[in-house]
Amino acid sequence: METAYPHELAEIVNVINSIDAEKCRTKESEEITMMGAMLYSPTALNLAIKTGFQNIGWKAKRITLSSPAIDGLEGHKGFREVDFIKAGVGVEVQFGKYAFLPYDVVIKMVIFARLDFIKVGVEILPVKSMVRQMSSGIGHFQQLITDLHHRGVADIDLPLMVIGVAPDKDIISPSIPIQEETL
């Protein structure tokens, strides 16, 4: 990523660094263990990042997918969307539930790569220390890296950069690349 897409990586890092996370601490906890605490709002964080990417020309990409009826069951028609695409780089920002992390990188990014919309993927997500200041169930950097490490490399994988973020740190790594040697 650093050598094949240096301009796009610099833009990604600049967008992340431009976010004032404290302005996104707008969610009042209703959870028993953190009752009344002000937490980082995934909605506010996503909006801040979305605005940053849109301001420099990154665009969301939505596609329609369908499958036929199988064994008497009705088919399916729906859409998939990547948060941001520019110059073959697909970016997903995930401040949501942990189940969405592997879906982004193992399913969604692979579909967009197979359709030739992206060549590499970037997943941006909070690190564990930030998640402790968010609602329960949010996925984090260390969790995804652990899952990918134990899953191993598959022949459908595309080059992927995982970027962990926290309000009190610089970007983590900035990444742990998976399959980056194919760039």
Protein backbone atom coordinates (compact mmCIF):
# COMPACT_ATOMS: atom_id res chain seq x y z
CA MET A 1 0.00 0.00 0.00
CA GLU A 2 2.77 2.40 0.97
CA THR A 3 4.58 1.90 -2.35
CA ALA A 4 1.72 1.21 -4.76
CA TYR A 5 -0.77 3.80 -3.42
CA PRO A 6 1.24 6.41 -1.48
CA HIS A 7 -1.03 9.34 -2.43
CA GLU A 8 -4.21 7.53 -1.38
CA LEU A 9 -2.60 6.31 1.86
CA ALA A 10 -1.50 9.89 2.67
CA GLU A 11 -5.07 11.10 2.08
CA ILE A 12 -6.47 8.37 4.35
CA VAL A 13 -4.02 9.25 7.12
CA ASN A 14 -4.77 12.98 6.74
CA VAL A 15 -8.54 12.39 7.00
CA ILE A 16 -8.11 10.29 10.14
CA ASN A 17 -5.75 12.82 11.72
CA SER A 18 -8.16 15.67 10.96
CA ILE A 19 -10.92 14.21 13.16
CA ASP A 20 -11.41 15.73 16.61
CA ALA A 21 -12.68 12.63 18.41
CA GLU A 22 -13.68 14.59 21.50
CA LYS A 23 -16.32 16.40 19.43
CA CYS A 24 -17.73 12.92 18.73
CA ARG A 25 -18.11 12.06 22.43
CA THR A 26 -21.84 12.76 22.25
CA LYS A 27 -23.54 9.50 23.22
CA GLU A 28 -24.85 9.24 26.77
CA SER A 29 -24.57 5.67 27.97
CA GLU A 30 -27.66 3.85 29.11
CA GLU A 31 -25.72 0.70 29.94
CA ILE A 32 -25.71 -0.28 33.60
CA THR A 33 -21.91 -0.47 33.81
CA MET A 34 -21.43 3.04 32.35
CA MET A 35 -24.73 4.75 33.15
CA GLY A 36 -24.63 8.43 32.20
CA ALA A 37 -21.04 8.40 30.88
CA MET A 38 -20.42 10.31 27.68
CA LEU A 39 -19.16 7.87 25.06
CA TYR A 40 -17.76 8.17 21.56
CA SER A 41 -20.69 8.06 19.15
CA PRO A 42 -20.20 5.74 16.16
CA THR A 43 -22.66 7.89 14.20
CA ALA A 44 -20.73 11.10 14.91
CA LEU A 45 -17.37 9.45 14.14
CA ASN A 46 -18.68 8.04 10.86
CA LEU A 47 -20.12 11.41 9.84
CA ALA A 48 -16.83 13.21 10.59
CA ILE A 49 -14.83 10.69 8.59
CA LYS A 50 -17.36 10.63 5.75
CA THR A 51 -17.18 14.40 5.46
CA GLY A 52 -13.38 14.28 5.40
CA PHE A 53 -13.26 11.72 2.59
CA GLN A 54 -15.99 13.40 0.55
CA ASN A 55 -14.18 16.74 0.77
CA ILE A 56 -11.20 15.24 -1.09
CA GLY A 57 -13.12 13.37 -3.76
CA TRP A 58 -13.56 9.88 -2.32
CA LYS A 59 -16.97 8.40 -3.19
CA ALA A 60 -19.16 5.59 -1.92
CA LYS A 61 -19.89 2.82 -4.41
CA ARG A 62 -23.16 0.88 -4.31
CA ILE A 63 -23.87 -2.16 -6.45
CA THR A 64 -26.91 -4.38 -6.84
CA LEU A 65 -26.48 -8.13 -6.46
CA SER A 66 -29.00 -10.88 -7.03
CA SER A 67 -29.30 -14.63 -6.84
CA PRO A 68 -31.85 -16.93 -8.45
CA ALA A 69 -34.44 -19.03 -6.66
CA ILE A 70 -33.00 -22.27 -5.30
CA ASP A 71 -35.00 -25.41 -4.50
CA GLY A 72 -38.28 -23.52 -4.33
CA LEU A 73 -36.92 -20.73 -2.15
CA GLU A 74 -37.23 -17.24 -3.52
CA GLY A 75 -34.12 -15.53 -4.85
CA HIS A 76 -32.54 -12.44 -3.38
CA LYS A 77 -31.86 -8.99 -4.72
CA GLY A 78 -30.05 -6.41 -2.63
CA PHE A 79 -27.21 -3.96 -2.62
CA ARG A 80 -23.71 -3.83 -1.21
CA GLU A 81 -21.80 -0.62 -0.65
CA VAL A 82 -18.20 0.29 0.03
CA ASP A 83 -17.83 3.44 2.11
CA PHE A 84 -15.20 5.10 -0.11
CA ILE A 85 -13.38 4.31 -3.34
CA LYS A 86 -10.67 6.24 -5.14
CA ALA A 87 -8.06 5.07 -7.66
CA GLY A 88 -8.65 1.38 -6.94
CA VAL A 89 -8.51 1.73 -3.16
CA GLY A 90 -11.63 0.71 -1.23
CA VAL A 91 -12.07 2.00 2.32
CA GLU A 92 -14.47 0.70 4.95
CA VAL A 93 -14.90 2.56 8.22
CA GLN A 94 -16.25 0.34 10.96
CA PHE A 95 -17.35 1.69 14.32
CA GLY A 96 -20.15 -0.86 14.48
CA LYS A 97 -20.73 -4.27 15.97
CA TYR A 98 -17.87 -6.76 15.85
CA ALA A 99 -19.68 -9.10 13.43
CA PHE A 100 -19.29 -6.54 10.63
CA LEU A 101 -15.47 -6.64 10.72
CA PRO A 102 -14.92 -9.97 8.96
CA TYR A 103 -17.89 -9.29 6.66
CA ASP A 104 -16.19 -6.12 5.39
CA VAL A 105 -12.86 -7.74 4.57
CA VAL A 106 -13.76 -11.34 3.76
CA ILE A 107 -16.99 -10.79 1.83
CA LYS A 108 -17.70 -7.23 0.78
CA MET A 109 -14.21 -6.12 -0.27
CA VAL A 110 -13.69 -9.41 -2.13
CA ILE A 111 -16.89 -8.86 -4.12
CA PHE A 112 -15.81 -5.34 -5.10
CA ALA A 113 -12.35 -6.60 -6.07
CA ARG A 114 -13.78 -9.43 -8.20
CA LEU A 115 -15.94 -6.86 -9.99
CA ASP A 116 -12.77 -4.77 -10.55
CA PHE A 117 -13.89 -1.72 -8.58
CA ILE A 118 -10.98 -2.00 -6.13
CA LYS A 119 -7.48 -3.47 -6.14
CA VAL A 120 -6.73 -3.07 -2.42
CA GLY A 121 -8.82 -2.64 0.71
CA VAL A 122 -8.42 -0.53 3.82
CA GLU A 123 -10.38 -1.19 7.01
CA ILE A 124 -10.41 1.65 9.57
CA LEU A 125 -11.59 0.77 13.05
CA PRO A 126 -11.03 1.73 16.69
CA VAL A 127 -8.37 0.11 18.87
CA LYS A 128 -9.37 -1.72 22.03
CA SER A 129 -8.66 1.23 24.34
CA MET A 130 -11.09 3.41 22.37
CA VAL A 131 -13.77 0.71 22.33
CA ARG A 132 -13.76 0.78 26.13
CA GLN A 133 -15.16 4.31 25.77
CA MET A 134 -17.95 3.24 23.39
CA SER A 135 -21.14 1.18 23.67
CA SER A 136 -20.70 -2.56 24.14
CA GLY A 137 -20.27 -4.89 21.19
CA ILE A 138 -18.11 -2.62 19.02
CA GLY A 139 -15.38 -4.44 17.10
CA HIS A 140 -11.75 -3.37 17.37
CA PHE A 141 -8.38 -3.49 15.60
CA GLN A 142 -6.82 -6.17 17.81
CA GLN A 143 -9.89 -8.39 17.37
CA LEU A 144 -9.81 -8.24 13.56
CA ILE A 145 -6.05 -8.79 13.39
CA THR A 146 -6.39 -11.83 15.66
CA ASP A 147 -9.22 -13.25 13.53
CA LEU A 148 -7.30 -12.72 10.27
CA HIS A 149 -4.13 -14.21 11.75
CA HIS A 150 -5.91 -17.37 12.86
CA ARG A 151 -7.98 -17.61 9.67
CA GLY A 152 -4.86 -17.60 7.52
CA VAL A 153 -4.51 -16.50 3.91
CA ALA A 154 -7.05 -17.61 1.33
CA ASP A 155 -6.84 -17.53 -2.45
CA ILE A 156 -9.72 -15.03 -2.61
CA ASP A 157 -7.93 -12.45 -0.45
CA LEU A 158 -6.98 -9.06 -1.80
CA PRO A 159 -4.25 -6.81 -0.43
CA LEU A 160 -5.63 -5.34 2.78
CA MET A 161 -4.48 -2.71 5.23
CA VAL A 162 -6.08 -2.60 8.65
CA ILE A 163 -5.78 0.76 10.42
CA GLY A 164 -6.51 1.10 14.11
CA VAL A 165 -7.40 4.54 15.46
CA ALA A 166 -7.71 6.07 18.92
CA PRO A 167 -8.30 9.64 20.08
CA ASP A 168 -5.22 9.68 22.30
CA LYS A 169 -2.75 8.06 19.90
CA ASP A 170 -1.47 8.42 16.42
CA ILE A 171 -2.73 5.88 13.91
CA ILE A 172 -1.74 2.41 15.03
CA SER A 173 1.03 0.95 12.81
CA PRO A 174 -0.49 2.58 10.46
CA SER A 175 -1.35 -1.02 9.62
CA ILE A 176 -0.77 -4.70 9.68
CA PRO A 177 -0.89 -5.64 6.02
CA ILE A 178 -2.51 -8.87 4.91
CA GLN A 179 -1.35 -10.12 1.50
CA GLU A 180 0.42 -6.83 0.82
CA GLU A 181 3.29 -8.57 -0.94
CA THR A 182 1.02 -9.05 -3.97
CA LEU A 183 1.02 -5.31 -4.70
